[in-house]
Amino acid sequence: VPSQKPVRLTTEVKMVSTNAAGTSDAITSSKTNAAVRQRRRIIKAGDESVVPPPLLLSSSLPTKKRRRKEFNNLISPRHKAVIVGSSVLGIVLVSCTLMFIILLGRIDDNGSNLATESFKDGSNLRKNAILQEEITTDASSKSSTKSSSANDLEHVEIYEALFQRSSKTVPEYHRGRYELSSTYSTSVMKQGCNLTVVLMDPRLPILPAGDPTWFSLESIAAYASTACVLLQTSYCIIQDSEDDDSSNITEESAQERVVEIIYEHSLPLFRRMIEQGQVRVVYLDHEKYKMKSCSNFYNPSLALMNPNYWIDEFLPKVDSDLILMIQGDSFLCHHLDPEKWRDVAFVGGVWPRVHVHPEIKMCGYMPAKWRSWTHKQRMWESQQQGSLERINMQNKPPVNRPTKLQNMTFPPICTGGRAPVGNGGLSLRSRKWMVEAITNCPHTLYSGMNTSDMINLACLVHNAENEDVYFSIVLAGLQAPLPMAFEAALFSAEMLFPEEVTSFYGELSTEDKERYVQQRWGEDGVSLFKQMQGNDYTVPIGMHKPWWYHSDEVLQTTDMLHHCKFLKYMYRPEDSKYGDILNEGKKVVWAGVGH
């Protein structure tokens, strides 16, 4: 019946309009097109009189309440259960994650999360750097007043307990997970070291808790917290210990014991470096470097004057070219930025004109040694200048042209703001320049080089010489980049503080001093330097056994201890060597400043 078709169409369109409500515009458009096609079929059949006007779908949209009800009717009970279950599961997972984060943050009593499995994550190195900067004693970075609380060390109670010898072991505090081996953590191995600190000491496993060596390492953790640390020690010293039955101690168990002792005796900040994988332990091959024994290599010269040491003992593409050499009696006083020192080949404390151990006039001794060591080249040059007849009269064979000819002009080292540099007990060195020095002027016994490789070299060292004096002479002879006297004094003090250096090797204007300070200490260092100008001495970045050459009246002042917090824990006034030097008749007036 024609009159029924509009009714069916109206019903269908209403259903379409109902279903379209709450759906996308694309669905609504599709349903509308269906209605139009139905209308065309009616017109084609000739029933134009009963075709209803076009429907306005928007006028038939249900209300929000009605749409929700119709939407719910479309969802089966099973689907509703799935949706509800998924929501509950999501809430549970979020809650568990939050609880895990809260608990994880409480593992470290100091508020740090460095003792968990995530200590291998490279981001923790940045976290540790921030943490260490917060406890730095550099007053200028936190406050312009000396009374700033930022100058206080974080673990003074632990330091005091050990220094006063009130405890034979480290007082209980944070303990975390650690893995101490011959390599660094995975993250450190990937990102590399911006500075590698080296401590070579076979006694490390037998040093008691509270020994100055542990405070030396703690100062590294406080003021060079992002560095890597290489501990070169001995395990046979455990086997040789009288306290143990050496026949029952295997090599493996001895090495395990060494690792345990190092962690147990380490102080809080250095423990964190261990836990973060910034520290590794190796056992030096004493035979390779012709050491006396596996437990006796206190003097590092035999190893350091061998080019293989600077290559084989460091991890390629991981350990830095810039090395900070320390000993158990050297320590840092404030922040060391390795980026400020990458332009130098070698820097250590400045020596006086007259060295007291042994008594050597350094300004003449160093050039004389260079002339002696380059004797072969001088003979060849004399031969080239027509002195062959004189050489033949001495019944000596002609000299072949040496390989690697050297600059025979030794640079002035005691004028123009320069000085003999530098003490090796606390020193920064470029590994590349160490190898360059050795291969150009090797020691005939210490270098480990073949005789055939040395015979034609222009420079050779035959006499015994401490490694730091050796490198200072050879690097100066090679025209290597070395710091000015005041720059070296800003880095380290052993015999001379900066004021003594300028008094003896040339005064500088305030502007020049501050320019050097900014270059080596940074912007914050300038403020710190200005604070110290009212004091007797400027405290450098670090020191090496200053109690040998300075009295307690110098080292135990309030200002000195204020700007060098770890000095207090490195020696006791009764252990000072200063009096012994005076008793030997060697008056310490080398810098024009009496002591």
Protein backbone atom coordinates (compact mmCIF):
# COMPACT_ATOMS: atom_id res chain seq x y z
CA VAL A 1 0.00 0.00 0.00
CA PRO A 2 1.57 3.31 -1.03
CA SER A 3 0.41 5.02 2.16
CA GLN A 4 2.48 2.56 4.30
CA LYS A 5 5.81 3.23 2.58
CA PRO A 6 6.27 6.68 4.13
CA VAL A 7 5.54 5.14 7.50
CA ARG A 8 8.23 2.51 7.07
CA LEU A 9 10.63 5.14 5.80
CA THR A 10 9.88 7.38 8.74
CA THR A 11 10.54 4.53 11.14
CA GLU A 12 13.76 3.58 9.43
CA VAL A 13 14.98 7.15 9.40
CA LYS A 14 14.16 7.54 13.07
CA MET A 15 16.21 4.45 13.82
CA VAL A 16 19.02 5.81 11.72
CA SER A 17 18.82 9.10 13.52
CA THR A 18 18.82 7.31 16.87
CA ASN A 19 21.81 5.19 16.01
CA ALA A 20 23.63 8.16 14.57
CA ALA A 21 23.33 10.05 17.83
CA GLY A 22 26.53 9.80 19.83
CA THR A 23 28.56 8.51 16.86
CA SER A 24 30.96 10.26 14.51
CA ASP A 25 29.87 12.63 11.71
CA ALA A 26 31.02 10.04 9.17
CA ILE A 27 28.46 7.51 10.47
CA THR A 28 25.69 10.14 10.51
CA SER A 29 26.49 11.11 6.96
CA SER A 30 26.38 7.47 5.87
CA LYS A 31 22.90 6.96 7.36
CA THR A 32 21.64 10.17 5.81
CA ASN A 33 22.79 9.07 2.37
CA ALA A 34 20.85 5.82 2.84
CA ALA A 35 17.70 7.81 3.55
CA VAL A 36 18.22 9.90 0.43
CA ARG A 37 18.62 6.79 -1.70
CA GLN A 38 15.36 5.38 -0.28
CA ARG A 39 13.59 8.66 -1.15
CA ARG A 40 14.87 8.45 -4.74
CA ARG A 41 13.47 4.92 -5.06
CA ILE A 42 10.06 6.21 -3.96
CA ILE A 43 10.18 9.06 -6.47
CA LYS A 44 11.09 6.64 -9.22
CA ALA A 45 8.07 4.51 -8.34
CA GLY A 46 5.84 7.52 -8.98
CA ASP A 47 4.71 8.17 -5.42
CA GLU A 48 5.93 11.73 -5.21
CA SER A 49 2.72 12.83 -3.48
CA VAL A 50 3.51 10.85 -0.40
CA VAL A 51 7.26 11.52 -0.12
CA PRO A 52 7.91 13.28 3.18
CA PRO A 53 10.11 16.34 3.36
CA PRO A 54 13.84 15.74 4.10
CA LEU A 55 14.42 14.89 7.72
CA LEU A 56 16.51 17.16 9.93
CA LEU A 57 18.53 14.60 11.87
CA SER A 58 19.84 17.15 14.32
CA SER A 59 16.30 17.89 15.42
CA SER A 60 15.84 14.28 16.45
CA LEU A 61 19.10 13.88 18.52
CA PRO A 62 18.46 12.50 22.00
CA THR A 63 19.57 14.22 25.19
CA LYS A 64 22.87 13.36 26.97
CA LYS A 65 21.08 11.14 29.46
CA ARG A 66 19.30 9.32 26.69
CA ARG A 67 22.54 8.93 24.67
CA ARG A 68 24.37 7.40 27.65
CA LYS A 69 21.54 4.97 28.22
CA GLU A 70 21.44 3.96 24.56
CA PHE A 71 25.25 3.62 24.50
CA ASN A 72 25.18 1.37 27.54
CA ASN A 73 22.53 -0.76 25.86
CA LEU A 74 24.96 -1.39 23.02
CA ILE A 75 27.65 -2.83 25.44
CA SER A 76 27.30 -6.35 26.57
CA PRO A 77 27.76 -7.31 30.27
CA ARG A 78 30.94 -9.17 29.32
CA HIS A 79 32.46 -6.05 27.77
CA LYS A 80 31.46 -4.01 30.82
CA ALA A 81 33.31 -6.49 33.07
CA VAL A 82 36.42 -6.19 30.91
CA ILE A 83 36.34 -2.38 31.09
CA VAL A 84 35.87 -2.34 34.87
CA GLY A 85 38.63 -4.93 35.37
CA SER A 86 41.07 -2.98 33.23
CA SER A 87 40.39 0.19 35.20
CA VAL A 88 40.96 -1.54 38.53
CA LEU A 89 44.19 -3.14 37.25
CA GLY A 90 45.49 0.23 36.06
CA ILE A 91 44.83 1.81 39.46
CA VAL A 92 46.64 -1.04 41.21
CA LEU A 93 49.68 -0.76 38.93
CA VAL A 94 49.95 3.01 39.44
CA SER A 95 49.70 2.58 43.23
CA CYS A 96 52.39 -0.12 43.29
CA THR A 97 54.72 2.00 41.19
CA LEU A 98 54.35 4.96 43.55
CA MET A 99 55.00 2.78 46.60
CA PHE A 100 58.10 1.26 44.95
CA ILE A 101 59.52 4.71 44.21
CA ILE A 102 58.92 5.85 47.80
CA LEU A 103 60.55 2.76 49.30
CA LEU A 104 63.45 2.92 46.87
CA GLY A 105 64.19 6.47 47.88
CA ARG A 106 64.55 5.42 51.52
CA ILE A 107 67.25 2.82 50.96
CA ASP A 108 69.97 5.42 51.36
CA ASP A 109 69.87 7.18 54.73
CA ASN A 110 71.28 10.28 53.08
CA GLY A 111 68.34 10.60 50.73
CA SER A 112 70.20 9.20 47.76
CA ASN A 113 69.17 6.31 45.59
CA LEU A 114 72.73 5.47 44.56
CA ALA A 115 72.89 2.11 46.39
CA THR A 116 70.33 0.30 44.26
CA GLU A 117 70.57 -1.63 41.04
CA SER A 118 70.24 1.62 39.14
CA PHE A 119 73.69 2.73 40.29
CA LYS A 120 74.95 1.60 36.89
CA ASP A 121 72.77 4.12 35.13
CA GLY A 122 74.84 6.96 33.73
CA SER A 123 72.41 9.53 35.09
CA ASN A 124 73.56 8.69 38.61
CA LEU A 125 76.96 10.18 37.83
CA ARG A 126 75.23 13.50 37.32
CA LYS A 127 73.19 12.99 40.50
CA ASN A 128 76.34 12.28 42.45
CA ALA A 129 78.04 15.35 41.02
CA ILE A 130 75.17 17.50 42.24
CA LEU A 131 75.23 15.79 45.62
CA GLN A 132 78.96 16.30 46.06
CA GLU A 133 78.74 19.95 45.06
CA GLU A 134 76.25 20.48 47.86
CA ILE A 135 78.82 19.47 50.45
CA THR A 136 81.81 21.17 48.86
CA THR A 137 83.81 23.42 51.12
CA ASP A 138 84.22 26.03 48.45
CA ALA A 139 82.57 28.95 50.19
CA SER A 140 82.43 31.13 47.12
CA SER A 141 80.00 28.87 45.31
CA LYS A 142 77.44 29.12 48.09
CA SER A 143 78.04 32.25 50.07
CA SER A 144 80.37 35.20 50.30
CA THR A 145 80.77 34.80 54.07
CA LYS A 146 83.20 32.50 55.84
CA SER A 147 80.53 31.37 58.24
CA SER A 148 78.48 29.78 55.48
CA SER A 149 77.18 26.33 56.42
CA ALA A 150 78.10 25.15 52.90
CA ASN A 151 81.71 25.08 54.14
CA ASP A 152 80.92 22.29 56.57
CA LEU A 153 81.73 18.72 55.66
CA GLU A 154 78.80 16.34 55.64
CA HIS A 155 80.27 13.49 57.69
CA VAL A 156 82.29 15.31 60.34
CA GLU A 157 81.18 12.98 63.16
CA ILE A 158 82.54 9.95 61.32
CA TYR A 159 85.76 11.77 60.45
CA GLU A 160 86.26 12.91 64.02
CA ALA A 161 85.63 9.45 65.46
CA LEU A 162 88.28 7.92 63.24
CA PHE A 163 90.76 10.76 63.56
CA GLN A 164 90.55 10.68 67.36
CA ARG A 165 91.07 6.91 67.13
CA SER A 166 87.96 6.32 69.16
CA SER A 167 86.94 3.56 66.76
CA LYS A 168 89.04 0.90 65.06
CA THR A 169 86.50 0.56 62.26
CA VAL A 170 84.36 2.97 60.33
CA PRO A 171 81.25 3.84 62.40
CA GLU A 172 78.08 2.31 61.01
CA TYR A 173 76.39 4.35 58.31
CA HIS A 174 75.12 3.88 54.78
CA ARG A 175 76.02 0.60 53.11
CA GLY A 176 75.00 -0.15 49.55
CA ARG A 177 75.49 -2.67 46.81
CA TYR A 178 78.82 -2.52 45.05
CA GLU A 179 80.97 -4.39 42.58
CA LEU A 180 84.67 -3.59 42.80
CA SER A 181 86.72 -5.17 40.03
CA SER A 182 89.29 -4.34 37.36
CA THR A 183 86.71 -2.43 35.31
CA TYR A 184 84.19 0.33 35.94
CA SER A 185 80.42 0.02 35.80
CA THR A 186 78.69 -0.43 32.45
CA SER A 187 77.59 3.21 32.31
CA VAL A 188 81.08 4.52 33.05
CA MET A 189 82.56 2.18 30.45
CA LYS A 190 80.15 3.65 27.88
CA GLN A 191 80.56 7.32 28.68
CA GLY A 192 84.24 7.32 29.67
CA CYS A 193 86.09 9.27 32.37
CA ASN A 194 86.66 13.02 32.33
CA LEU A 195 89.54 12.50 34.79
CA THR A 196 91.29 9.37 36.04
CA VAL A 197 92.71 9.52 39.56
CA VAL A 198 95.52 7.07 40.30
CA LEU A 199 96.66 5.85 43.71
CA MET A 200 99.52 3.34 43.61
CA ASP A 201 100.12 1.78 47.02
CA PRO A 202 100.74 -1.90 47.86
CA ARG A 203 99.85 -1.24 51.52
CA LEU A 204 96.23 -0.37 50.81
CA PRO A 205 94.80 -3.70 52.10
CA ILE A 206 96.64 -3.43 55.44
CA LEU A 207 96.03 0.25 56.19
CA PRO A 208 93.74 0.64 59.22
CA ALA A 209 90.48 2.54 59.15
CA GLY A 210 91.17 6.21 59.71
CA ASP A 211 94.56 6.16 57.99
CA PRO A 212 95.28 9.41 56.10
CA THR A 213 95.11 7.50 52.81
CA TRP A 214 91.36 6.98 53.27
CA PHE A 215 90.94 10.70 53.95
CA SER A 216 92.95 11.40 50.80
CA LEU A 217 90.48 9.34 48.76
CA GLU A 218 87.58 10.99 50.57
CA SER A 219 88.85 14.41 49.48
CA ILE A 220 88.82 13.17 45.89
CA ALA A 221 85.19 12.11 46.28
CA ALA A 222 84.35 15.51 47.76
CA TYR A 223 86.06 17.76 45.21
CA ALA A 224 86.43 15.62 42.06
CA SER A 225 83.26 13.57 42.38
CA THR A 226 82.75 12.81 38.68
CA ALA A 227 86.23 11.36 38.20
CA CYS A 228 87.18 7.71 37.84
CA VAL A 229 89.58 6.23 40.39
CA LEU A 230 92.19 3.56 39.67
CA LEU A 231 93.60 1.83 42.76
CA GLN A 232 96.82 -0.04 42.03
CA THR A 233 97.70 -2.27 44.95
CA SER A 234 98.82 -5.76 45.99
CA TYR A 235 97.00 -8.90 47.12
CA CYS A 236 100.10 -10.85 48.12
CA ILE A 237 100.47 -8.48 51.05
CA ILE A 238 97.40 -10.26 52.44
CA GLN A 239 99.02 -13.62 51.89
CA ASP A 240 102.20 -12.44 53.61
CA SER A 241 100.37 -11.02 56.60
CA GLU A 242 101.45 -12.48 59.92
CA ASP A 243 97.87 -12.43 61.13
CA ASP A 244 96.78 -15.07 58.63
CA ASP A 245 97.87 -18.54 57.71
CA SER A 246 99.21 -17.75 54.25
CA SER A 247 99.16 -21.41 53.23
CA ASN A 248 95.35 -21.37 53.36
CA ILE A 249 94.89 -18.14 51.41
CA THR A 250 94.51 -18.58 47.67
CA GLU A 251 95.09 -15.86 45.15
CA GLU A 252 91.35 -15.55 44.51
CA SER A 253 90.43 -15.34 48.18
CA ALA A 254 93.19 -12.81 48.81
CA GLN A 255 91.84 -10.58 46.05
CA GLU A 256 88.32 -10.89 47.44
CA ARG A 257 89.63 -9.85 50.82
CA VAL A 258 91.37 -6.81 49.33
CA VAL A 259 88.10 -5.63 47.80
CA GLU A 260 86.23 -6.10 51.09
CA ILE A 261 88.84 -4.16 53.05
CA ILE A 262 88.86 -1.27 50.59
CA TYR A 263 85.08 -0.89 50.82
CA GLU A 264 84.95 -1.38 54.60
CA HIS A 265 87.66 1.21 55.27
CA SER A 266 86.45 3.74 52.72
CA LEU A 267 84.73 6.83 54.07
CA PRO A 268 81.15 7.79 53.10
CA LEU A 269 81.70 9.83 49.96
CA PHE A 270 84.27 7.48 48.48
CA ARG A 271 81.96 4.53 49.24
CA ARG A 272 79.38 6.17 47.03
CA MET A 273 81.89 6.39 44.20
CA ILE A 274 82.55 2.66 44.63
CA GLU A 275 78.82 1.88 44.57
CA GLN A 276 78.40 3.91 41.40
CA GLY A 277 81.10 1.92 39.65
CA GLN A 278 83.57 4.81 39.37
CA VAL A 279 86.36 2.89 41.12
CA ARG A 280 88.36 -0.10 39.94
CA VAL A 281 91.15 -2.13 41.54
CA VAL A 282 94.11 -3.72 39.76
CA TYR A 283 97.16 -5.59 41.03
CA LEU A 284 100.34 -4.17 39.58
CA ASP A 285 102.69 -6.59 37.81
CA HIS A 286 105.86 -5.93 39.79
CA GLU A 287 108.01 -8.08 37.52
CA LYS A 288 106.96 -6.17 34.40
CA TYR A 289 108.14 -2.92 35.96
CA LYS A 290 111.15 -4.42 37.78
CA MET A 291 109.76 -3.68 41.22
CA LYS A 292 111.39 -5.21 44.29
CA SER A 293 108.42 -7.45 45.04
CA CYS A 294 104.66 -7.67 44.63
CA SER A 295 104.21 -5.89 47.97
CA ASN A 296 107.03 -3.37 47.68
CA PHE A 297 106.59 -0.63 45.11
CA TYR A 298 106.32 2.44 47.30
CA ASN A 299 108.46 4.50 44.92
CA PRO A 300 106.53 4.58 41.63
CA SER A 301 109.47 5.72 39.47
CA LEU A 302 110.18 2.29 37.99
CA ALA A 303 106.64 2.05 36.64
CA LEU A 304 105.96 5.69 35.73
CA MET A 305 109.18 5.96 33.68
CA ASN A 306 108.10 2.98 31.55
CA PRO A 307 106.00 3.94 28.50
CA ASN A 308 104.01 0.71 28.75
CA TYR A 309 102.62 1.82 32.08
CA TRP A 310 100.81 4.79 30.56
CA ILE A 311 99.26 2.56 27.89
CA ASP A 312 98.69 -0.88 29.40
CA GLU A 313 97.41 0.14 32.82
CA PHE A 314 94.56 2.28 31.47
CA LEU A 315 91.40 1.24 29.68
CA PRO A 316 91.43 2.48 26.08
CA LYS A 317 88.68 4.98 25.24
CA VAL A 318 87.52 4.86 28.86
CA ASP A 319 90.24 6.23 31.13
CA SER A 320 91.07 9.86 30.55
CA ASP A 321 94.27 11.16 29.02
CA LEU A 322 94.37 13.54 31.98
CA ILE A 323 95.62 11.73 35.09
CA LEU A 324 95.62 12.97 38.67
CA MET A 325 98.38 11.16 40.56
CA ILE A 326 97.89 11.10 44.33
CA GLN A 327 99.61 9.50 47.29
CA GLY A 328 98.45 8.68 50.78
CA ASP A 329 99.77 12.03 52.05
CA SER A 330 98.21 14.24 49.38
CA PHE A 331 94.68 15.65 49.36
CA LEU A 332 92.34 18.18 47.80
CA CYS A 333 91.15 21.34 49.54
CA HIS A 334 88.51 22.58 47.11
CA HIS A 335 86.94 21.88 43.73
CA LEU A 336 89.08 20.57 40.87
CA ASP A 337 87.71 21.14 37.38
CA PRO A 338 89.71 18.96 34.98
CA GLU A 339 88.57 21.01 31.99
CA LYS A 340 90.62 23.93 33.30
CA TRP A 341 93.87 21.96 33.06
CA ARG A 342 93.71 19.98 29.82
CA ASP A 343 96.11 22.35 28.09
CA VAL A 344 99.12 21.41 30.24
CA ALA A 345 101.40 18.39 29.93
CA PHE A 346 102.33 18.26 33.61
CA VAL A 347 101.65 20.32 36.71
CA GLY A 348 102.65 19.80 40.31
CA GLY A 349 103.77 21.93 43.22
CA VAL A 350 106.52 24.48 42.58
CA TRP A 351 110.00 23.70 43.87
CA PRO A 352 112.21 26.32 45.52
CA ARG A 353 115.50 27.45 44.04
CA VAL A 354 117.27 25.20 46.50
CA HIS A 355 115.68 21.79 47.01
CA VAL A 356 116.30 20.40 50.48
CA HIS A 357 116.02 16.66 49.74
CA PRO A 358 118.75 16.44 48.53
CA GLU A 359 120.14 19.95 48.56
CA ILE A 360 120.03 20.88 44.89
CA LYS A 361 119.94 24.26 43.24
CA MET A 362 117.09 23.48 40.88
CA CYS A 363 117.50 26.48 38.57
CA GLY A 364 120.96 25.24 37.57
CA TYR A 365 120.45 21.52 38.16
CA MET A 366 117.67 21.03 35.61
CA PRO A 367 119.44 22.67 32.61
CA ALA A 368 122.66 20.85 33.51
CA LYS A 369 120.88 17.51 33.51
CA TRP A 370 119.36 18.21 30.10
CA ARG A 371 122.81 18.96 28.68
CA SER A 372 124.12 15.75 30.20
CA TRP A 373 121.29 13.59 28.90
CA THR A 374 121.58 15.01 25.35
CA HIS A 375 125.34 14.49 25.23
CA LYS A 376 125.16 12.29 22.12
CA GLN A 377 123.45 14.97 20.09
CA ARG A 378 125.96 17.57 21.24
CA MET A 379 128.80 15.33 20.15
CA TRP A 380 127.19 14.88 16.75
CA GLU A 381 126.63 18.63 16.39
CA SER A 382 130.27 19.27 17.27
CA GLN A 383 131.24 16.72 14.67
CA GLN A 384 129.09 18.52 12.07
CA GLN A 385 130.74 21.81 12.94
CA GLY A 386 134.21 20.54 11.99
CA SER A 387 135.42 19.26 15.34
CA LEU A 388 135.84 15.71 14.03
CA GLU A 389 139.63 16.01 14.24
CA ARG A 390 139.41 16.78 17.93
CA ILE A 391 137.09 13.82 18.46
CA ASN A 392 139.48 11.50 16.59
CA MET A 393 142.37 12.73 18.72
CA GLN A 394 140.43 11.45 21.75
CA ASN A 395 140.35 8.00 20.12
CA LYS A 396 136.55 8.07 19.94
CA PRO A 397 134.60 6.80 16.93
CA PRO A 398 132.50 9.25 14.91
CA VAL A 399 128.98 9.77 16.17
CA ASN A 400 126.12 8.75 13.91
CA ARG A 401 123.29 11.16 13.41
CA PRO A 402 120.89 10.60 16.34
CA THR A 403 117.23 9.94 15.75
CA LYS A 404 114.68 12.36 17.18
CA LEU A 405 116.96 15.38 17.41
CA GLN A 406 116.13 17.64 20.33
CA ASN A 407 116.07 21.38 20.88
CA MET A 408 119.33 21.98 22.67
CA THR A 409 118.17 25.31 24.10
CA PHE A 410 116.74 24.57 27.53
CA PRO A 411 114.07 27.17 28.32
CA PRO A 412 114.58 29.59 31.22
CA ILE A 413 112.80 28.15 34.24
CA CYS A 414 113.49 30.67 37.00
CA THR A 415 112.75 33.95 35.22
CA GLY A 416 109.82 35.54 33.43
CA GLY A 417 107.26 34.16 35.84
CA ARG A 418 108.39 30.56 35.38
CA ALA A 419 109.72 28.14 37.97
CA PRO A 420 110.81 24.50 38.33
CA VAL A 421 107.57 22.51 38.27
CA GLY A 422 106.56 20.15 39.74
CA ASN A 423 106.13 17.80 42.62
CA GLY A 424 104.71 14.40 41.60
CA GLY A 425 102.97 13.47 44.88
CA LEU A 426 99.94 15.47 43.76
CA SER A 427 100.17 16.11 40.05
CA LEU A 428 98.12 16.36 36.87
CA ARG A 429 99.63 14.70 33.82
CA SER A 430 98.80 14.04 30.20
CA ARG A 431 99.40 10.37 29.40
CA LYS A 432 100.32 11.29 25.83
CA TRP A 433 103.01 13.65 27.03
CA MET A 434 104.33 11.08 29.50
CA VAL A 435 104.83 8.62 26.63
CA GLU A 436 106.32 11.38 24.48
CA ALA A 437 108.87 12.23 27.17
CA ILE A 438 109.92 8.61 27.73
CA THR A 439 110.23 7.65 24.08
CA ASN A 440 112.30 10.78 23.32
CA CYS A 441 114.57 10.55 26.35
CA PRO A 442 114.24 7.13 28.02
CA HIS A 443 115.97 5.88 31.13
CA THR A 444 118.23 3.05 30.10
CA LEU A 445 117.09 0.82 32.99
CA TYR A 446 113.61 2.00 33.94
CA SER A 447 112.03 2.46 30.52
CA GLY A 448 111.93 -1.22 29.61
CA MET A 449 112.85 -0.30 26.03
CA ASN A 450 115.18 -2.44 23.94
CA THR A 451 118.77 -1.32 23.68
CA SER A 452 118.52 -1.35 19.89
CA ASP A 453 115.67 1.18 20.10
CA MET A 454 117.64 3.49 22.36
CA ILE A 455 121.17 3.38 20.98
CA ASN A 456 120.68 6.11 18.37
CA LEU A 457 118.44 8.40 20.40
CA ALA A 458 119.66 11.93 20.97
CA CYS A 459 118.72 11.85 24.65
CA LEU A 460 119.36 9.08 27.18
CA VAL A 461 119.21 8.97 31.00
CA HIS A 462 121.69 6.73 32.81
CA ASN A 463 121.68 7.96 36.39
CA ALA A 464 119.02 7.33 39.02
CA GLU A 465 116.40 10.05 39.14
CA ASN A 466 113.02 10.41 40.78
CA GLU A 467 110.25 10.30 38.23
CA ASP A 468 108.88 13.79 38.93
CA VAL A 469 112.27 15.47 38.50
CA TYR A 470 112.87 13.38 35.38
CA PHE A 471 109.59 14.42 33.76
CA SER A 472 110.03 18.06 34.75
CA ILE A 473 113.41 18.20 33.01
CA VAL A 474 112.52 16.23 29.89
CA LEU A 475 109.19 17.99 29.30
CA ALA A 476 110.83 21.39 29.65
CA GLY A 477 113.55 20.27 27.23
CA LEU A 478 110.89 19.11 24.75
CA GLN A 479 109.16 22.50 24.97
CA ALA A 480 105.99 20.83 26.26
CA PRO A 481 103.14 23.08 27.49
CA LEU A 482 103.89 23.73 31.16
CA PRO A 483 102.14 26.19 33.50
CA MET A 484 103.53 29.43 34.80
CA ALA A 485 104.81 29.43 38.37
CA PHE A 486 101.71 31.07 39.86
CA GLU A 487 99.39 28.74 37.94
CA ALA A 488 101.20 25.70 39.33
CA ALA A 489 101.00 27.20 42.81
CA LEU A 490 97.24 27.57 42.43
CA PHE A 491 97.06 23.84 41.80
CA SER A 492 99.22 22.41 44.56
CA ALA A 493 101.52 23.27 47.44
CA GLU A 494 104.22 21.12 48.92
CA MET A 495 107.14 23.40 49.74
CA LEU A 496 105.73 26.73 48.52
CA PHE A 497 102.37 28.45 48.79
CA PRO A 498 101.34 30.94 46.06
CA GLU A 499 102.56 33.97 48.02
CA GLU A 500 105.97 32.36 48.41
CA VAL A 501 106.11 31.52 44.72
CA THR A 502 105.48 35.11 43.62
CA SER A 503 107.90 36.38 46.25
CA PHE A 504 110.67 34.29 44.81
CA TYR A 505 109.88 33.92 41.08
CA GLY A 506 108.30 37.27 40.31
CA GLU A 507 105.51 39.41 41.71
CA LEU A 508 102.25 39.74 39.84
CA SER A 509 99.64 42.46 39.81
CA THR A 510 96.25 41.75 41.35
CA GLU A 511 94.71 41.78 37.88
CA ASP A 512 97.18 39.17 36.61
CA LYS A 513 96.60 36.95 39.64
CA GLU A 514 92.84 37.08 39.21
CA ARG A 515 93.22 36.33 35.51
CA TYR A 516 95.16 33.16 36.33
CA VAL A 517 92.66 32.27 39.05
CA GLN A 518 89.72 32.62 36.68
CA GLN A 519 91.50 30.47 34.09
CA ARG A 520 92.32 27.66 36.56
CA TRP A 521 89.61 27.93 39.22
CA GLY A 522 86.70 29.38 37.24
CA GLU A 523 84.36 32.25 38.04
CA ASP A 524 83.49 30.98 41.52
CA GLY A 525 87.18 30.56 42.23
CA VAL A 526 87.77 34.29 41.83
CA SER A 527 85.40 34.99 44.73
CA LEU A 528 87.13 32.33 46.82
CA PHE A 529 90.53 33.79 45.97
CA LYS A 530 89.42 37.25 47.04
CA GLN A 531 88.23 35.88 50.38
CA MET A 532 91.68 34.44 51.03
CA GLN A 533 93.57 37.66 50.33
CA GLY A 534 93.21 38.79 53.91
CA ASN A 535 94.93 35.61 55.07
CA ASP A 536 98.63 34.83 55.25
CA TYR A 537 98.40 32.27 52.44
CA THR A 538 96.23 31.37 49.49
CA VAL A 539 95.06 27.77 49.80
CA PRO A 540 95.56 25.93 46.50
CA ILE A 541 93.36 23.19 45.07
CA GLY A 542 95.40 20.56 46.90
CA MET A 543 98.53 19.85 48.91
CA HIS A 544 101.18 17.17 49.30
CA LYS A 545 102.68 16.60 52.79
CA PRO A 546 103.02 20.33 53.58
CA TRP A 547 103.84 19.41 57.20
CA TRP A 548 107.32 18.45 56.03
CA TYR A 549 108.12 22.02 55.03
CA HIS A 550 105.78 24.27 57.01
CA SER A 551 105.33 24.75 60.71
CA ASP A 552 102.09 24.23 62.64
CA GLU A 553 101.93 28.02 63.02
CA VAL A 554 101.24 28.06 59.30
CA LEU A 555 99.13 24.93 58.86
CA GLN A 556 97.01 24.96 61.99
CA THR A 557 95.62 28.48 61.68
CA THR A 558 91.87 29.00 61.63
CA ASP A 559 91.95 30.39 58.09
CA MET A 560 94.02 27.50 56.73
CA LEU A 561 91.78 24.84 58.28
CA HIS A 562 88.69 26.75 57.18
CA HIS A 563 89.67 26.67 53.51
CA CYS A 564 91.18 23.19 53.57
CA LYS A 565 88.87 20.97 55.62
CA PHE A 566 90.72 17.70 55.10
CA LEU A 567 94.09 19.08 56.25
CA LYS A 568 93.04 18.48 59.84
CA TYR A 569 92.65 14.74 59.23
CA MET A 570 95.85 14.22 57.25
CA TYR A 571 98.38 14.65 60.03
CA ARG A 572 98.76 15.39 63.71
CA PRO A 573 100.97 18.24 64.88
CA GLU A 574 103.18 15.77 66.75
CA ASP A 575 103.82 13.98 63.43
CA SER A 576 105.16 17.07 61.67
CA LYS A 577 108.50 16.61 59.87
CA TYR A 578 109.24 20.33 59.90
CA GLY A 579 111.36 20.15 63.02
CA ASP A 580 113.39 17.27 61.60
CA ILE A 581 114.37 19.35 58.58
CA LEU A 582 115.48 22.22 60.79
CA ASN A 583 117.46 19.85 63.01
CA GLU A 584 119.33 18.67 59.92
CA GLY A 585 120.62 22.22 59.54
CA LYS A 586 118.63 22.98 56.41
CA LYS A 587 117.05 26.33 57.05
CA VAL A 588 113.77 26.71 55.23
CA VAL A 589 114.00 30.24 53.82
CA TRP A 590 113.95 29.30 50.14
CA ALA A 591 111.20 31.66 49.06
CA GLY A 592 112.17 34.80 50.82
CA VAL A 593 109.51 34.10 53.43
CA GLY A 594 110.84 32.88 56.77
CA HIS A 595 109.17 30.01 58.62
